[in-house]
Amino acid sequence: MAPTPDIRPVGDLPNAIGKTAARELSQNGITTLHQVASHSKKELLAIHGIGPKAIAILGDALAAKGLDYRPS
């Protein structure tokens, strides 16, 4: 299995989400925290490579900017 390419940084997304999560979000057109905030946790968890750890890290980053996930 080939290693996952590291495309970070992606927009203003935190690097701590991991390279797989960053790549998958980018491939789904999500490159900013404002774009993350336009999605629900459930929608984001449906994307391959996005798990509870990435959701928690993104949630903290959203909160720091006064943002939150879209309600499900």
C-alpha atoms as a PDB file:
ATOM      1  CA  MET A   1       0.000   0.000   0.000  1.00  0.00           C
ATOM      2  CA  ALA A   2       1.375   3.387  -1.012  1.00  0.00           C
ATOM      3  CA  PRO A   3       1.845   6.013   1.697  1.00  0.00           C
ATOM      4  CA  THR A   4      -0.779   8.747   1.921  1.00  0.00           C
ATOM      5  CA  PRO A   5       0.521  11.964   0.343  1.00  0.00           C
ATOM      6  CA  ASP A   6       0.723  14.857   2.770  1.00  0.00           C
ATOM      7  CA  ILE A   7      -0.968  17.879   1.183  1.00  0.00           C
ATOM      8  CA  ARG A   8      -1.155  19.918   4.395  1.00  0.00           C
ATOM      9  CA  PRO A   9      -1.664  22.736   5.027  1.00  0.00           C
ATOM     10  CA  VAL A  10      -5.113  22.871   3.476  1.00  0.00           C
ATOM     11  CA  GLY A  11      -6.636  26.334   3.759  1.00  0.00           C
ATOM     12  CA  ASP A  12      -7.135  27.189   7.419  1.00  0.00           C
ATOM     13  CA  LEU A  13      -7.851  23.586   8.488  1.00  0.00           C
ATOM     14  CA  PRO A  14      -5.732  22.468  11.442  1.00  0.00           C
ATOM     15  CA  ASN A  15      -2.816  20.187  10.518  1.00  0.00           C
ATOM     16  CA  ALA A  16      -3.652  18.030  13.540  1.00  0.00           C
ATOM     17  CA  ILE A  17      -6.582  16.436  11.666  1.00  0.00           C
ATOM     18  CA  GLY A  18      -4.051  14.253   9.865  1.00  0.00           C
ATOM     19  CA  LYS A  19      -2.960  13.924   6.282  1.00  0.00           C
ATOM     20  CA  THR A  20      -5.700  11.483   5.228  1.00  0.00           C
ATOM     21  CA  ALA A  21      -8.476  13.681   6.628  1.00  0.00           C
ATOM     22  CA  ALA A  22      -6.938  16.798   5.072  1.00  0.00           C
ATOM     23  CA  ARG A  23      -6.666  15.105   1.675  1.00  0.00           C
ATOM     24  CA  GLU A  24     -10.209  13.723   1.751  1.00  0.00           C
ATOM     25  CA  LEU A  25     -11.743  17.026   2.842  1.00  0.00           C
ATOM     26  CA  SER A  26      -9.847  18.816   0.082  1.00  0.00           C
ATOM     27  CA  GLN A  27     -10.995  16.280  -2.514  1.00  0.00           C
ATOM     28  CA  ASN A  28     -14.569  16.941  -1.362  1.00  0.00           C
ATOM     29  CA  GLY A  29     -14.128  20.694  -1.854  1.00  0.00           C
ATOM     30  CA  ILE A  30     -13.772  21.494   1.852  1.00  0.00           C
ATOM     31  CA  THR A  31     -10.682  23.616   2.446  1.00  0.00           C
ATOM     32  CA  THR A  32     -11.762  26.169   5.065  1.00  0.00           C
ATOM     33  CA  LEU A  33     -13.342  26.113   8.495  1.00  0.00           C
ATOM     34  CA  HIS A  34     -16.288  28.097   7.116  1.00  0.00           C
ATOM     35  CA  GLN A  35     -16.882  25.273   4.640  1.00  0.00           C
ATOM     36  CA  VAL A  36     -16.601  22.712   7.473  1.00  0.00           C
ATOM     37  CA  ALA A  37     -19.230  24.702   9.406  1.00  0.00           C
ATOM     38  CA  SER A  38     -21.652  24.329   6.507  1.00  0.00           C
ATOM     39  CA  HIS A  39     -21.717  20.563   7.081  1.00  0.00           C
ATOM     40  CA  SER A  40     -23.069  18.431   9.917  1.00  0.00           C
ATOM     41  CA  LYS A  41     -20.849  16.033  11.833  1.00  0.00           C
ATOM     42  CA  LYS A  42     -22.801  13.166  10.265  1.00  0.00           C
ATOM     43  CA  GLU A  43     -22.082  14.435   6.742  1.00  0.00           C
ATOM     44  CA  LEU A  44     -18.389  14.789   7.486  1.00  0.00           C
ATOM     45  CA  LEU A  45     -18.163  11.368   9.144  1.00  0.00           C
ATOM     46  CA  ALA A  46     -19.542   9.866   5.924  1.00  0.00           C
ATOM     47  CA  ILE A  47     -16.374  10.994   4.113  1.00  0.00           C
ATOM     48  CA  HIS A  48     -13.679   8.317   3.984  1.00  0.00           C
ATOM     49  CA  GLY A  49     -10.804   9.234   6.288  1.00  0.00           C
ATOM     50  CA  ILE A  50     -12.842  11.484   8.587  1.00  0.00           C
ATOM     51  CA  GLY A  51     -13.309   9.968  12.014  1.00  0.00           C
ATOM     52  CA  PRO A  52     -14.161  11.029  15.549  1.00  0.00           C
ATOM     53  CA  LYS A  53     -10.647  12.377  16.182  1.00  0.00           C
ATOM     54  CA  ALA A  54     -10.771  14.693  13.148  1.00  0.00           C
ATOM     55  CA  ILE A  55     -14.306  15.791  14.090  1.00  0.00           C
ATOM     56  CA  ALA A  56     -13.130  16.701  17.618  1.00  0.00           C
ATOM     57  CA  ILE A  57     -10.094  18.624  16.317  1.00  0.00           C
ATOM     58  CA  LEU A  58     -12.194  20.453  13.736  1.00  0.00           C
ATOM     59  CA  GLY A  59     -14.828  21.188  16.402  1.00  0.00           C
ATOM     60  CA  ASP A  60     -12.205  22.848  18.599  1.00  0.00           C
ATOM     61  CA  ALA A  61     -10.942  24.900  15.646  1.00  0.00           C
ATOM     62  CA  LEU A  62     -14.498  25.927  14.754  1.00  0.00           C
ATOM     63  CA  ALA A  63     -15.217  26.971  18.353  1.00  0.00           C
ATOM     64  CA  ALA A  64     -12.043  29.074  18.440  1.00  0.00           C
ATOM     65  CA  LYS A  65     -13.442  31.064  15.487  1.00  0.00           C
ATOM     66  CA  GLY A  66     -16.968  31.282  16.928  1.00  0.00           C
ATOM     67  CA  LEU A  67     -18.286  28.693  14.473  1.00  0.00           C
ATOM     68  CA  ASP A  68     -19.997  25.318  14.878  1.00  0.00           C
ATOM     69  CA  TYR A  69     -21.117  22.400  12.763  1.00  0.00           C
ATOM     70  CA  ARG A  70     -24.429  22.669  10.928  1.00  0.00           C
ATOM     71  CA  PRO A  71     -27.140  20.905  12.926  1.00  0.00           C
ATOM     72  CA  SER A  72     -28.023  17.444  11.572  1.00  0.00           C
END
